[in-house]
Amino acid sequence: MEIANFLTWLIFFGLITSIGIGTMIYAYRGQGSISVLFTEPISKSELIPPEAAVNFQQGCEAFRVQNYQQAINKFTEAIQNNSNIAEAYHNRGLAFANLRQDDESVANLLQAGQLYLQEGNQEAIAIVKKNLESLKARKESKKTDS
């Protein structure tokens, strides 16, 4: 009888521990880790070279349905096909921001800004600056919440 009670308690505590660990993983990896600052990607597809256009469009579609990790992967593939696509860096930065990976987000937004500067695209540079300011505001609000 004591073995049965021991096994019952062991299963009970194992279940409670599993639920707790599962919840932490969900909060870290799942929806709990998403903080949507940016709802729409930059989608000027006419500027995207043909060799990267399919991956870029798939990245935009994944972004719109809030599958930010898939969007990052697709924008990365587009960048691997052509490393001068400012919009792909820009969108990858927005997706990283929505996953609360702010360091990666800033690096991609700065790269996009440099490419926009080379293109002479002042309007896009202003958008990148606004995106960076949004990230800064979120970081500062986290400091005041702590």
C-alpha atoms as a PDB file:
ATOM      1  CA  MET A   1       0.000   0.000   0.000  1.00  0.00           C
ATOM      2  CA  GLU A   2       2.836   2.404   0.784  1.00  0.00           C
ATOM      3  CA  ILE A   3       4.341   1.854  -2.679  1.00  0.00           C
ATOM      4  CA  ALA A   4       1.015   2.796  -4.283  1.00  0.00           C
ATOM      5  CA  ASN A   5       0.845   6.019  -2.236  1.00  0.00           C
ATOM      6  CA  PHE A   6       4.457   6.813  -3.107  1.00  0.00           C
ATOM      7  CA  LEU A   7       3.785   6.298  -6.819  1.00  0.00           C
ATOM      8  CA  THR A   8       0.629   8.416  -6.643  1.00  0.00           C
ATOM      9  CA  TRP A   9       2.536  11.302  -5.028  1.00  0.00           C
ATOM     10  CA  LEU A  10       5.400  10.877  -7.489  1.00  0.00           C
ATOM     11  CA  ILE A  11       3.022  11.093 -10.450  1.00  0.00           C
ATOM     12  CA  PHE A  12       1.220  14.074  -8.897  1.00  0.00           C
ATOM     13  CA  PHE A  13       4.422  16.066  -8.324  1.00  0.00           C
ATOM     14  CA  GLY A  14       5.751  15.061 -11.741  1.00  0.00           C
ATOM     15  CA  LEU A  15       2.569  16.380 -13.349  1.00  0.00           C
ATOM     16  CA  ILE A  16       2.722  19.660 -11.423  1.00  0.00           C
ATOM     17  CA  THR A  17       6.397  20.099 -12.330  1.00  0.00           C
ATOM     18  CA  SER A  18       5.700  19.352 -15.992  1.00  0.00           C
ATOM     19  CA  ILE A  19       2.910  21.912 -16.114  1.00  0.00           C
ATOM     20  CA  GLY A  20       5.151  24.539 -14.510  1.00  0.00           C
ATOM     21  CA  ILE A  21       8.047  23.901 -16.856  1.00  0.00           C
ATOM     22  CA  GLY A  22       5.696  23.780 -19.846  1.00  0.00           C
ATOM     23  CA  THR A  23       4.234  27.141 -18.877  1.00  0.00           C
ATOM     24  CA  MET A  24       7.683  28.708 -18.586  1.00  0.00           C
ATOM     25  CA  ILE A  25       8.694  27.352 -21.988  1.00  0.00           C
ATOM     26  CA  TYR A  26       5.449  28.663 -23.498  1.00  0.00           C
ATOM     27  CA  ALA A  27       6.066  32.086 -21.983  1.00  0.00           C
ATOM     28  CA  TYR A  28       9.615  32.147 -23.288  1.00  0.00           C
ATOM     29  CA  ARG A  29       9.078  30.617 -26.736  1.00  0.00           C
ATOM     30  CA  GLY A  30       5.365  30.798 -27.407  1.00  0.00           C
ATOM     31  CA  GLN A  31       2.823  33.577 -27.588  1.00  0.00           C
ATOM     32  CA  GLY A  32       3.996  34.837 -24.209  1.00  0.00           C
ATOM     33  CA  SER A  33       7.226  36.080 -25.756  1.00  0.00           C
ATOM     34  CA  ILE A  34       5.520  38.164 -28.425  1.00  0.00           C
ATOM     35  CA  SER A  35       5.149  41.894 -28.001  1.00  0.00           C
ATOM     36  CA  VAL A  36       3.655  43.265 -31.191  1.00  0.00           C
ATOM     37  CA  LEU A  37       5.037  46.720 -31.792  1.00  0.00           C
ATOM     38  CA  PHE A  38       4.841  46.451 -35.549  1.00  0.00           C
ATOM     39  CA  THR A  39       1.762  45.049 -37.274  1.00  0.00           C
ATOM     40  CA  GLU A  40       2.692  45.395 -40.938  1.00  0.00           C
ATOM     41  CA  PRO A  41       5.889  44.620 -42.812  1.00  0.00           C
ATOM     42  CA  ILE A  42       7.448  46.876 -45.419  1.00  0.00           C
ATOM     43  CA  SER A  43       6.120  45.342 -48.623  1.00  0.00           C
ATOM     44  CA  LYS A  44       7.488  47.296 -51.570  1.00  0.00           C
ATOM     45  CA  SER A  45       7.991  44.121 -53.584  1.00  0.00           C
ATOM     46  CA  GLU A  46       8.691  45.948 -56.862  1.00  0.00           C
ATOM     47  CA  LEU A  47      12.069  46.922 -55.401  1.00  0.00           C
ATOM     48  CA  ILE A  48      12.997  43.329 -54.560  1.00  0.00           C
ATOM     49  CA  PRO A  49      15.306  41.557 -57.032  1.00  0.00           C
ATOM     50  CA  PRO A  50      13.703  38.488 -58.687  1.00  0.00           C
ATOM     51  CA  GLU A  51      16.097  36.006 -57.066  1.00  0.00           C
ATOM     52  CA  ALA A  52      14.840  37.023 -53.609  1.00  0.00           C
ATOM     53  CA  ALA A  53      11.230  37.997 -54.357  1.00  0.00           C
ATOM     54  CA  VAL A  54       9.571  34.682 -53.452  1.00  0.00           C
ATOM     55  CA  ASN A  55      11.275  34.438 -50.059  1.00  0.00           C
ATOM     56  CA  PHE A  56      10.565  38.100 -49.388  1.00  0.00           C
ATOM     57  CA  GLN A  57       6.838  37.683 -50.156  1.00  0.00           C
ATOM     58  CA  GLN A  58       6.650  34.533 -48.020  1.00  0.00           C
ATOM     59  CA  GLY A  59       8.303  36.478 -45.197  1.00  0.00           C
ATOM     60  CA  CYS A  60       5.716  39.249 -45.516  1.00  0.00           C
ATOM     61  CA  GLU A  61       2.877  36.709 -45.447  1.00  0.00           C
ATOM     62  CA  ALA A  62       4.296  34.995 -42.346  1.00  0.00           C
ATOM     63  CA  PHE A  63       4.719  38.408 -40.681  1.00  0.00           C
ATOM     64  CA  ARG A  64       1.067  39.339 -41.346  1.00  0.00           C
ATOM     65  CA  VAL A  65      -0.175  36.166 -39.623  1.00  0.00           C
ATOM     66  CA  GLN A  66       2.207  36.812 -36.704  1.00  0.00           C
ATOM     67  CA  ASN A  67       4.488  33.872 -37.441  1.00  0.00           C
ATOM     68  CA  TYR A  68       7.526  36.010 -36.764  1.00  0.00           C
ATOM     69  CA  GLN A  69      10.099  33.208 -36.578  1.00  0.00           C
ATOM     70  CA  GLN A  70       9.098  31.945 -40.018  1.00  0.00           C
ATOM     71  CA  ALA A  71       9.163  35.526 -41.293  1.00  0.00           C
ATOM     72  CA  ILE A  72      12.710  35.930 -39.969  1.00  0.00           C
ATOM     73  CA  ASN A  73      13.737  32.717 -41.712  1.00  0.00           C
ATOM     74  CA  LYS A  74      12.251  33.817 -45.039  1.00  0.00           C
ATOM     75  CA  PHE A  75      13.776  37.306 -44.867  1.00  0.00           C
ATOM     76  CA  THR A  76      17.114  35.673 -44.033  1.00  0.00           C
ATOM     77  CA  GLU A  77      16.803  33.503 -47.144  1.00  0.00           C
ATOM     78  CA  ALA A  78      16.021  36.595 -49.219  1.00  0.00           C
ATOM     79  CA  ILE A  79      19.109  38.330 -47.793  1.00  0.00           C
ATOM     80  CA  GLN A  80      21.227  35.268 -48.581  1.00  0.00           C
ATOM     81  CA  ASN A  81      20.085  35.591 -52.205  1.00  0.00           C
ATOM     82  CA  ASN A  82      20.871  39.312 -52.293  1.00  0.00           C
ATOM     83  CA  SER A  83      22.458  41.100 -49.340  1.00  0.00           C
ATOM     84  CA  ASN A  84      21.455  44.579 -50.546  1.00  0.00           C
ATOM     85  CA  ILE A  85      17.711  44.340 -49.868  1.00  0.00           C
ATOM     86  CA  ALA A  86      17.039  47.059 -47.317  1.00  0.00           C
ATOM     87  CA  GLU A  87      13.382  46.032 -46.964  1.00  0.00           C
ATOM     88  CA  ALA A  88      14.358  42.474 -45.985  1.00  0.00           C
ATOM     89  CA  TYR A  89      16.632  43.761 -43.209  1.00  0.00           C
ATOM     90  CA  HIS A  90      13.933  46.215 -42.184  1.00  0.00           C
ATOM     91  CA  ASN A  91      11.256  43.520 -41.963  1.00  0.00           C
ATOM     92  CA  ARG A  92      13.575  41.085 -40.224  1.00  0.00           C
ATOM     93  CA  GLY A  93      14.266  43.803 -37.665  1.00  0.00           C
ATOM     94  CA  LEU A  94      10.535  44.350 -37.116  1.00  0.00           C
ATOM     95  CA  ALA A  95       9.972  40.601 -36.683  1.00  0.00           C
ATOM     96  CA  PHE A  96      12.822  40.360 -34.163  1.00  0.00           C
ATOM     97  CA  ALA A  97      11.295  43.291 -32.265  1.00  0.00           C
ATOM     98  CA  ASN A  98       7.931  41.542 -32.098  1.00  0.00           C
ATOM     99  CA  LEU A  99       9.716  38.519 -30.598  1.00  0.00           C
ATOM    100  CA  ARG A 100      11.376  40.813 -28.030  1.00  0.00           C
ATOM    101  CA  GLN A 101      14.821  40.171 -29.477  1.00  0.00           C
ATOM    102  CA  ASP A 102      15.711  43.830 -29.410  1.00  0.00           C
ATOM    103  CA  ASP A 103      19.479  43.552 -29.986  1.00  0.00           C
ATOM    104  CA  GLU A 104      18.912  41.622 -33.220  1.00  0.00           C
ATOM    105  CA  SER A 105      16.148  44.033 -34.141  1.00  0.00           C
ATOM    106  CA  VAL A 106      18.365  47.092 -33.746  1.00  0.00           C
ATOM    107  CA  ALA A 107      21.194  45.509 -35.743  1.00  0.00           C
ATOM    108  CA  ASN A 108      18.840  44.740 -38.648  1.00  0.00           C
ATOM    109  CA  LEU A 109      17.178  48.146 -38.556  1.00  0.00           C
ATOM    110  CA  LEU A 110      20.570  49.868 -38.604  1.00  0.00           C
ATOM    111  CA  GLN A 111      21.639  47.727 -41.578  1.00  0.00           C
ATOM    112  CA  ALA A 112      18.393  48.646 -43.353  1.00  0.00           C
ATOM    113  CA  GLY A 113      19.070  52.309 -42.580  1.00  0.00           C
ATOM    114  CA  GLN A 114      22.540  52.097 -44.105  1.00  0.00           C
ATOM    115  CA  LEU A 115      21.170  50.506 -47.270  1.00  0.00           C
ATOM    116  CA  TYR A 116      18.378  53.095 -47.480  1.00  0.00           C
ATOM    117  CA  LEU A 117      21.027  55.803 -47.093  1.00  0.00           C
ATOM    118  CA  GLN A 118      22.989  54.334 -50.019  1.00  0.00           C
ATOM    119  CA  GLU A 119      19.765  54.356 -52.060  1.00  0.00           C
ATOM    120  CA  GLY A 120      19.001  57.924 -51.011  1.00  0.00           C
ATOM    121  CA  ASN A 121      15.612  56.823 -49.629  1.00  0.00           C
ATOM    122  CA  GLN A 122      14.960  59.508 -47.003  1.00  0.00           C
ATOM    123  CA  GLU A 123      11.347  58.424 -46.437  1.00  0.00           C
ATOM    124  CA  ALA A 124      12.450  54.895 -45.477  1.00  0.00           C
ATOM    125  CA  ILE A 125      15.196  56.284 -43.227  1.00  0.00           C
ATOM    126  CA  ALA A 126      12.540  58.270 -41.354  1.00  0.00           C
ATOM    127  CA  ILE A 127      10.484  55.085 -40.885  1.00  0.00           C
ATOM    128  CA  VAL A 128      13.517  53.204 -39.534  1.00  0.00           C
ATOM    129  CA  LYS A 129      14.184  56.067 -37.126  1.00  0.00           C
ATOM    130  CA  LYS A 130      10.566  55.897 -35.919  1.00  0.00           C
ATOM    131  CA  ASN A 131      10.877  52.109 -35.465  1.00  0.00           C
ATOM    132  CA  LEU A 132      14.050  52.549 -33.400  1.00  0.00           C
ATOM    133  CA  GLU A 133      12.318  55.168 -31.263  1.00  0.00           C
ATOM    134  CA  SER A 134       9.464  52.702 -30.608  1.00  0.00           C
ATOM    135  CA  LEU A 135      11.978  50.090 -29.450  1.00  0.00           C
ATOM    136  CA  LYS A 136      13.666  52.639 -27.202  1.00  0.00           C
ATOM    137  CA  ALA A 137      10.328  53.652 -25.687  1.00  0.00           C
ATOM    138  CA  ARG A 138       9.470  50.009 -24.946  1.00  0.00           C
ATOM    139  CA  LYS A 139      12.859  49.485 -23.301  1.00  0.00           C
ATOM    140  CA  GLU A 140      12.438  52.606 -21.179  1.00  0.00           C
ATOM    141  CA  SER A 141       8.925  51.573 -20.143  1.00  0.00           C
ATOM    142  CA  LYS A 142      10.283  48.197 -18.996  1.00  0.00           C
ATOM    143  CA  LYS A 143      12.786  50.045 -16.780  1.00  0.00           C
ATOM    144  CA  THR A 144      10.051  52.095 -15.136  1.00  0.00           C
ATOM    145  CA  ASP A 145       7.865  49.001 -14.648  1.00  0.00           C
ATOM    146  CA  SER A 146      10.649  47.210 -12.752  1.00  0.00           C
END
